[in-house]
Amino acid sequence: MNKNLKPRKVDFTELTRMLEKYERKYGYSTIEFFRRYNDGKLGDNEEFMMWAGIYHLYLTSMPVRKFMRQDAAVAG
């Protein structure tokens, strides 16, 4: 594991940028990457594990964002 990684807050926009960076680097979409990764076609190098982790955060943050938008609409 990279010892230089330290926990920090990351917003949805930054998660999106991080995913786009991997997409440009490897030449396919995050959805296609994740399909290949889950099928075991890409191995388990550190960068692919990070990409998969970032995608997981992206997916799990979407319901929270939706809830917050709904809550704001009700309040407004």
PDB file of N, CA and C in Angstrom:
ATOM      1  N   MET A   1       0.842  -1.186   0.000  1.00  0.00           N
ATOM      2  CA  MET A   1       0.000   0.000   0.000  1.00  0.00           C
ATOM      3  C   MET A   1       0.881   1.241   0.000  1.00  0.00           C
ATOM      4  N   ASN A   2       0.417   2.253  -0.677  1.00  0.00           N
ATOM      5  CA  ASN A   2       1.152   3.506  -0.756  1.00  0.00           C
ATOM      6  C   ASN A   2       1.082   4.218   0.594  1.00  0.00           C
ATOM      7  N   LYS A   3       2.219   4.416   1.226  1.00  0.00           N
ATOM      8  CA  LYS A   3       2.269   5.036   2.549  1.00  0.00           C
ATOM      9  C   LYS A   3       2.031   6.540   2.503  1.00  0.00           C
ATOM     10  N   ASN A   4       2.011   7.122   1.313  1.00  0.00           N
ATOM     11  CA  ASN A   4       1.789   8.560   1.175  1.00  0.00           C
ATOM     12  C   ASN A   4       0.307   8.922   1.142  1.00  0.00           C
ATOM     13  N   LEU A   5      -0.564   7.924   1.054  1.00  0.00           N
ATOM     14  CA  LEU A   5      -1.994   8.203   1.017  1.00  0.00           C
ATOM     15  C   LEU A   5      -2.493   8.510   2.415  1.00  0.00           C
ATOM     16  N   LYS A   6      -3.195   9.625   2.530  1.00  0.00           N
ATOM     17  CA  LYS A   6      -3.776  10.021   3.808  1.00  0.00           C
ATOM     18  C   LYS A   6      -5.258  10.275   3.591  1.00  0.00           C
ATOM     19  N   PRO A   7      -6.096   9.883   4.537  1.00  0.00           N
ATOM     20  CA  PRO A   7      -7.537  10.133   4.390  1.00  0.00           C
ATOM     21  C   PRO A   7      -7.823  11.622   4.255  1.00  0.00           C
ATOM     22  N   ARG A   8      -8.769  11.949   3.376  1.00  0.00           N
ATOM     23  CA  ARG A   8      -9.206  13.329   3.209  1.00  0.00           C
ATOM     24  C   ARG A   8     -10.592  13.322   2.604  1.00  0.00           C
ATOM     25  N   LYS A   9     -11.296  14.415   2.773  1.00  0.00           N
ATOM     26  CA  LYS A   9     -12.626  14.538   2.191  1.00  0.00           C
ATOM     27  C   LYS A   9     -12.504  14.802   0.693  1.00  0.00           C
ATOM     28  N   VAL A  10     -13.372  14.144  -0.060  1.00  0.00           N
ATOM     29  CA  VAL A  10     -13.402  14.311  -1.505  1.00  0.00           C
ATOM     30  C   VAL A  10     -14.847  14.536  -1.904  1.00  0.00           C
ATOM     31  N   ASP A  11     -15.109  15.585  -2.669  1.00  0.00           N
ATOM     32  CA  ASP A  11     -16.483  15.828  -3.088  1.00  0.00           C
ATOM     33  C   ASP A  11     -16.807  15.085  -4.386  1.00  0.00           C
ATOM     34  N   PHE A  12     -18.084  15.098  -4.743  1.00  0.00           N
ATOM     35  CA  PHE A  12     -18.564  14.361  -5.906  1.00  0.00           C
ATOM     36  C   PHE A  12     -17.868  14.818  -7.185  1.00  0.00           C
ATOM     37  N   THR A  13     -17.645  16.103  -7.319  1.00  0.00           N
ATOM     38  CA  THR A  13     -16.976  16.640  -8.513  1.00  0.00           C
ATOM     39  C   THR A  13     -15.566  16.096  -8.629  1.00  0.00           C
ATOM     40  N   GLU A  14     -14.864  16.028  -7.511  1.00  0.00           N
ATOM     41  CA  GLU A  14     -13.497  15.495  -7.550  1.00  0.00           C
ATOM     42  C   GLU A  14     -13.495  14.007  -7.867  1.00  0.00           C
ATOM     43  N   LEU A  15     -14.454  13.263  -7.328  1.00  0.00           N
ATOM     44  CA  LEU A  15     -14.564  11.836  -7.665  1.00  0.00           C
ATOM     45  C   LEU A  15     -14.747  11.667  -9.175  1.00  0.00           C
ATOM     46  N   THR A  16     -15.596  12.504  -9.751  1.00  0.00           N
ATOM     47  CA  THR A  16     -15.842  12.448 -11.193  1.00  0.00           C
ATOM     48  C   THR A  16     -14.559  12.725 -11.965  1.00  0.00           C
ATOM     49  N   ARG A  17     -13.819  13.735 -11.547  1.00  0.00           N
ATOM     50  CA  ARG A  17     -12.546  14.062 -12.218  1.00  0.00           C
ATOM     51  C   ARG A  17     -11.551  12.907 -12.108  1.00  0.00           C
ATOM     52  N   MET A  18     -11.505  12.277 -10.954  1.00  0.00           N
ATOM     53  CA  MET A  18     -10.583  11.155 -10.749  1.00  0.00           C
ATOM     54  C   MET A  18     -10.937   9.994 -11.686  1.00  0.00           C
ATOM     55  N   LEU A  19     -12.226   9.711 -11.818  1.00  0.00           N
ATOM     56  CA  LEU A  19     -12.654   8.644 -12.722  1.00  0.00           C
ATOM     57  C   LEU A  19     -12.314   8.990 -14.169  1.00  0.00           C
ATOM     58  N   GLU A  20     -12.532  10.229 -14.546  1.00  0.00           N
ATOM     59  CA  GLU A  20     -12.213  10.668 -15.911  1.00  0.00           C
ATOM     60  C   GLU A  20     -10.729  10.539 -16.208  1.00  0.00           C
ATOM     61  N   LYS A  21      -9.892  10.799 -15.219  1.00  0.00           N
ATOM     62  CA  LYS A  21      -8.437  10.666 -15.392  1.00  0.00           C
ATOM     63  C   LYS A  21      -8.067   9.218 -15.727  1.00  0.00           C
ATOM     64  N   TYR A  22      -8.654   8.277 -14.998  1.00  0.00           N
ATOM     65  CA  TYR A  22      -8.395   6.857 -15.291  1.00  0.00           C
ATOM     66  C   TYR A  22      -8.929   6.475 -16.670  1.00  0.00           C
ATOM     67  N   GLU A  23     -10.090   7.005 -17.028  1.00  0.00           N
ATOM     68  CA  GLU A  23     -10.669   6.690 -18.336  1.00  0.00           C
ATOM     69  C   GLU A  23      -9.758   7.158 -19.462  1.00  0.00           C
ATOM     70  N   ARG A  24      -9.224   8.360 -19.332  1.00  0.00           N
ATOM     71  CA  ARG A  24      -8.294   8.874 -20.353  1.00  0.00           C
ATOM     72  C   ARG A  24      -7.021   8.028 -20.393  1.00  0.00           C
ATOM     73  N   LYS A  25      -6.511   7.678 -19.244  1.00  0.00           N
ATOM     74  CA  LYS A  25      -5.255   6.926 -19.172  1.00  0.00           C
ATOM     75  C   LYS A  25      -5.384   5.545 -19.802  1.00  0.00           C
ATOM     76  N   TYR A  26      -6.501   4.857 -19.536  1.00  0.00           N
ATOM     77  CA  TYR A  26      -6.634   3.471 -19.995  1.00  0.00           C
ATOM     78  C   TYR A  26      -7.511   3.313 -21.235  1.00  0.00           C
ATOM     79  N   GLY A  27      -8.200   4.367 -21.650  1.00  0.00           N
ATOM     80  CA  GLY A  27      -8.918   4.334 -22.912  1.00  0.00           C
ATOM     81  C   GLY A  27     -10.269   3.652 -22.907  1.00  0.00           C
ATOM     82  N   TYR A  28     -10.844   3.439 -21.755  1.00  0.00           N
ATOM     83  CA  TYR A  28     -12.222   2.948 -21.725  1.00  0.00           C
ATOM     84  C   TYR A  28     -12.967   3.511 -20.523  1.00  0.00           C
ATOM     85  N   SER A  29     -14.293   3.416 -20.594  1.00  0.00           N
ATOM     86  CA  SER A  29     -15.130   4.007 -19.557  1.00  0.00           C
ATOM     87  C   SER A  29     -14.969   3.281 -18.228  1.00  0.00           C
ATOM     88  N   THR A  30     -15.357   3.968 -17.174  1.00  0.00           N
ATOM     89  CA  THR A  30     -15.297   3.362 -15.846  1.00  0.00           C
ATOM     90  C   THR A  30     -16.232   2.166 -15.773  1.00  0.00           C
ATOM     91  N   ILE A  31     -17.385   2.246 -16.423  1.00  0.00           N
ATOM     92  CA  ILE A  31     -18.324   1.119 -16.413  1.00  0.00           C
ATOM     93  C   ILE A  31     -17.693  -0.102 -17.078  1.00  0.00           C
ATOM     94  N   GLU A  32     -17.061   0.104 -18.236  1.00  0.00           N
ATOM     95  CA  GLU A  32     -16.383  -1.003 -18.920  1.00  0.00           C
ATOM     96  C   GLU A  32     -15.223  -1.531 -18.073  1.00  0.00           C
ATOM     97  N   PHE A  33     -14.448  -0.614 -17.493  1.00  0.00           N
ATOM     98  CA  PHE A  33     -13.358  -1.034 -16.610  1.00  0.00           C
ATOM     99  C   PHE A  33     -13.898  -1.923 -15.497  1.00  0.00           C
ATOM    100  N   PHE A  34     -14.952  -1.476 -14.827  1.00  0.00           N
ATOM    101  CA  PHE A  34     -15.463  -2.201 -13.674  1.00  0.00           C
ATOM    102  C   PHE A  34     -16.000  -3.576 -14.071  1.00  0.00           C
ATOM    103  N   ARG A  35     -16.615  -3.652 -15.236  1.00  0.00           N
ATOM    104  CA  ARG A  35     -17.088  -4.938 -15.755  1.00  0.00           C
ATOM    105  C   ARG A  35     -15.896  -5.886 -15.926  1.00  0.00           C
ATOM    106  N   ARG A  36     -14.844  -5.408 -16.554  1.00  0.00           N
ATOM    107  CA  ARG A  36     -13.643  -6.234 -16.767  1.00  0.00           C
ATOM    108  C   ARG A  36     -12.973  -6.579 -15.440  1.00  0.00           C
ATOM    109  N   TYR A  37     -12.899  -5.615 -14.558  1.00  0.00           N
ATOM    110  CA  TYR A  37     -12.265  -5.814 -13.247  1.00  0.00           C
ATOM    111  C   TYR A  37     -13.019  -6.876 -12.446  1.00  0.00           C
ATOM    112  N   ASN A  38     -14.342  -6.765 -12.407  1.00  0.00           N
ATOM    113  CA  ASN A  38     -15.149  -7.744 -11.670  1.00  0.00           C
ATOM    114  C   ASN A  38     -15.085  -9.138 -12.283  1.00  0.00           C
ATOM    115  N   ASP A  39     -14.888  -9.205 -13.595  1.00  0.00           N
ATOM    116  CA  ASP A  39     -14.761 -10.493 -14.267  1.00  0.00           C
ATOM    117  C   ASP A  39     -13.363 -11.096 -14.088  1.00  0.00           C
ATOM    118  N   GLY A  40     -12.475 -10.363 -13.423  1.00  0.00           N
ATOM    119  CA  GLY A  40     -11.122 -10.854 -13.182  1.00  0.00           C
ATOM    120  C   GLY A  40     -10.202 -10.772 -14.385  1.00  0.00           C
ATOM    121  N   LYS A  41     -10.555  -9.939 -15.357  1.00  0.00           N
ATOM    122  CA  LYS A  41      -9.771  -9.836 -16.590  1.00  0.00           C
ATOM    123  C   LYS A  41      -8.617  -8.843 -16.504  1.00  0.00           C
ATOM    124  N   LEU A  42      -8.562  -8.058 -15.428  1.00  0.00           N
ATOM    125  CA  LEU A  42      -7.542  -7.008 -15.349  1.00  0.00           C
ATOM    126  C   LEU A  42      -6.503  -7.234 -14.261  1.00  0.00           C
ATOM    127  N   GLY A  43      -6.655  -8.238 -13.475  1.00  0.00           N
ATOM    128  CA  GLY A  43      -5.707  -8.453 -12.390  1.00  0.00           C
ATOM    129  C   GLY A  43      -6.008  -7.560 -11.209  1.00  0.00           C
ATOM    130  N   ASP A  44      -5.030  -7.469 -10.331  1.00  0.00           N
ATOM    131  CA  ASP A  44      -5.272  -6.710  -9.093  1.00  0.00           C
ATOM    132  C   ASP A  44      -4.154  -5.719  -8.796  1.00  0.00           C
ATOM    133  N   ASN A  45      -3.709  -5.034  -9.849  1.00  0.00           N
ATOM    134  CA  ASN A  45      -2.660  -4.047  -9.573  1.00  0.00           C
ATOM    135  C   ASN A  45      -3.239  -2.899  -8.741  1.00  0.00           C
ATOM    136  N   GLU A  46      -2.377  -2.203  -8.069  1.00  0.00           N
ATOM    137  CA  GLU A  46      -2.779  -1.163  -7.115  1.00  0.00           C
ATOM    138  C   GLU A  46      -3.627  -0.066  -7.756  1.00  0.00           C
ATOM    139  N   GLU A  47      -3.285   0.318  -8.966  1.00  0.00           N
ATOM    140  CA  GLU A  47      -4.020   1.392  -9.631  1.00  0.00           C
ATOM    141  C   GLU A  47      -5.452   0.959  -9.972  1.00  0.00           C
ATOM    142  N   PHE A  48      -5.631  -0.291 -10.403  1.00  0.00           N
ATOM    143  CA  PHE A  48      -6.972  -0.786 -10.695  1.00  0.00           C
ATOM    144  C   PHE A  48      -7.796  -0.905  -9.421  1.00  0.00           C
ATOM    145  N   MET A  49      -7.181  -1.304  -8.337  1.00  0.00           N
ATOM    146  CA  MET A  49      -7.905  -1.370  -7.067  1.00  0.00           C
ATOM    147  C   MET A  49      -8.339   0.026  -6.625  1.00  0.00           C
ATOM    148  N   MET A  50      -7.491   1.022  -6.848  1.00  0.00           N
ATOM    149  CA  MET A  50      -7.842   2.398  -6.510  1.00  0.00           C
ATOM    150  C   MET A  50      -9.004   2.878  -7.380  1.00  0.00           C
ATOM    151  N   TRP A  51      -8.939   2.596  -8.677  1.00  0.00           N
ATOM    152  CA  TRP A  51     -10.004   2.985  -9.594  1.00  0.00           C
ATOM    153  C   TRP A  51     -11.327   2.353  -9.154  1.00  0.00           C
ATOM    154  N   ALA A  52     -11.304   1.086  -8.837  1.00  0.00           N
ATOM    155  CA  ALA A  52     -12.512   0.387  -8.382  1.00  0.00           C
ATOM    156  C   ALA A  52     -13.033   1.010  -7.081  1.00  0.00           C
ATOM    157  N   GLY A  53     -12.138   1.369  -6.179  1.00  0.00           N
ATOM    158  CA  GLY A  53     -12.535   1.995  -4.921  1.00  0.00           C
ATOM    159  C   GLY A  53     -13.160   3.357  -5.127  1.00  0.00           C
ATOM    160  N   ILE A  54     -12.584   4.137  -6.014  1.00  0.00           N
ATOM    161  CA  ILE A  54     -13.132   5.464  -6.323  1.00  0.00           C
ATOM    162  C   ILE A  54     -14.514   5.317  -6.950  1.00  0.00           C
ATOM    163  N   TYR A  55     -14.662   4.344  -7.832  1.00  0.00           N
ATOM    164  CA  TYR A  55     -15.968   4.108  -8.452  1.00  0.00           C
ATOM    165  C   TYR A  55     -17.001   3.692  -7.399  1.00  0.00           C
ATOM    166  N   HIS A  56     -16.589   2.873  -6.458  1.00  0.00           N
ATOM    167  CA  HIS A  56     -17.477   2.476  -5.371  1.00  0.00           C
ATOM    168  C   HIS A  56     -17.940   3.711  -4.577  1.00  0.00           C
ATOM    169  N   LEU A  57     -17.010   4.591  -4.256  1.00  0.00           N
ATOM    170  CA  LEU A  57     -17.377   5.831  -3.550  1.00  0.00           C
ATOM    171  C   LEU A  57     -18.340   6.672  -4.372  1.00  0.00           C
ATOM    172  N   TYR A  58     -18.073   6.760  -5.662  1.00  0.00           N
ATOM    173  CA  TYR A  58     -18.938   7.505  -6.570  1.00  0.00           C
ATOM    174  C   TYR A  58     -20.357   6.948  -6.534  1.00  0.00           C
ATOM    175  N   LEU A  59     -20.468   5.626  -6.673  1.00  0.00           N
ATOM    176  CA  LEU A  59     -21.792   4.996  -6.694  1.00  0.00           C
ATOM    177  C   LEU A  59     -22.522   5.138  -5.364  1.00  0.00           C
ATOM    178  N   THR A  60     -21.805   4.977  -4.275  1.00  0.00           N
ATOM    179  CA  THR A  60     -22.460   5.055  -2.968  1.00  0.00           C
ATOM    180  C   THR A  60     -22.800   6.484  -2.576  1.00  0.00           C
ATOM    181  N   SER A  61     -22.151   7.466  -3.164  1.00  0.00           N
ATOM    182  CA  SER A  61     -22.471   8.857  -2.842  1.00  0.00           C
ATOM    183  C   SER A  61     -23.676   9.360  -3.633  1.00  0.00           C
ATOM    184  N   MET A  62     -24.036   8.682  -4.705  1.00  0.00           N
ATOM    185  CA  MET A  62     -25.157   9.136  -5.534  1.00  0.00           C
ATOM    186  C   MET A  62     -26.483   9.162  -4.762  1.00  0.00           C
ATOM    187  N   PRO A  63     -26.844   8.119  -3.996  1.00  0.00           N
ATOM    188  CA  PRO A  63     -28.101   8.205  -3.232  1.00  0.00           C
ATOM    189  C   PRO A  63     -28.100   9.342  -2.209  1.00  0.00           C
ATOM    190  N   VAL A  64     -26.960   9.606  -1.618  1.00  0.00           N
ATOM    191  CA  VAL A  64     -26.856  10.703  -0.653  1.00  0.00           C
ATOM    192  C   VAL A  64     -27.097  12.032  -1.357  1.00  0.00           C
ATOM    193  N   ARG A  65     -26.502  12.209  -2.513  1.00  0.00           N
ATOM    194  CA  ARG A  65     -26.697  13.451  -3.282  1.00  0.00           C
ATOM    195  C   ARG A  65     -28.159  13.616  -3.677  1.00  0.00           C
ATOM    196  N   LYS A  66     -28.801  12.522  -4.105  1.00  0.00           N
ATOM    197  CA  LYS A  66     -30.209  12.576  -4.491  1.00  0.00           C
ATOM    198  C   LYS A  66     -31.067  12.971  -3.291  1.00  0.00           C
ATOM    199  N   PHE A  67     -30.803  12.367  -2.151  1.00  0.00           N
ATOM    200  CA  PHE A  67     -31.544  12.686  -0.941  1.00  0.00           C
ATOM    201  C   PHE A  67     -31.372  14.149  -0.571  1.00  0.00           C
ATOM    202  N   MET A  68     -30.159  14.645  -0.663  1.00  0.00           N
ATOM    203  CA  MET A  68     -29.884  16.044  -0.304  1.00  0.00           C
ATOM    204  C   MET A  68     -30.620  16.997  -1.247  1.00  0.00           C
ATOM    205  N   ARG A  69     -30.675  16.665  -2.535  1.00  0.00           N
ATOM    206  CA  ARG A  69     -31.397  17.520  -3.482  1.00  0.00           C
ATOM    207  C   ARG A  69     -32.886  17.521  -3.166  1.00  0.00           C
ATOM    208  N   GLN A  70     -33.438  16.356  -2.841  1.00  0.00           N
ATOM    209  CA  GLN A  70     -34.863  16.268  -2.497  1.00  0.00           C
ATOM    210  C   GLN A  70     -35.154  17.051  -1.222  1.00  0.00           C
ATOM    211  N   ASP A  71     -34.280  16.897  -0.236  1.00  0.00           N
ATOM    212  CA  ASP A  71     -34.447  17.594   1.034  1.00  0.00           C
ATOM    213  C   ASP A  71     -34.398  19.121   0.834  1.00  0.00           C
ATOM    214  N   ALA A  72     -33.479  19.577  -0.006  1.00  0.00           N
ATOM    215  CA  ALA A  72     -33.349  21.005  -0.290  1.00  0.00           C
ATOM    216  C   ALA A  72     -34.586  21.522  -1.027  1.00  0.00           C
ATOM    217  N   ALA A  73     -35.135  20.715  -1.920  1.00  0.00           N
ATOM    218  CA  ALA A  73     -36.334  21.131  -2.673  1.00  0.00           C
ATOM    219  C   ALA A  73     -37.533  21.272  -1.745  1.00  0.00           C
ATOM    220  N   VAL A  74     -37.643  20.376  -0.778  1.00  0.00           N
ATOM    221  CA  VAL A  74     -38.753  20.442   0.185  1.00  0.00           C
ATOM    222  C   VAL A  74     -38.596  21.657   1.081  1.00  0.00           C
ATOM    223  N   ALA A  75     -37.370  21.947   1.477  1.00  0.00           N
ATOM    224  CA  ALA A  75     -37.098  23.074   2.385  1.00  0.00           C
ATOM    225  C   ALA A  75     -37.296  24.416   1.689  1.00  0.00           C
ATOM    226  N   GLY A  76     -37.069  24.419   0.367  1.00  0.00           N
ATOM    227  CA  GLY A  76     -37.086  25.681  -0.375  1.00  0.00           C
ATOM    228  C   GLY A  76     -38.384  26.123  -0.815  1.00  0.00           C
TER     229      GLY A  76
END
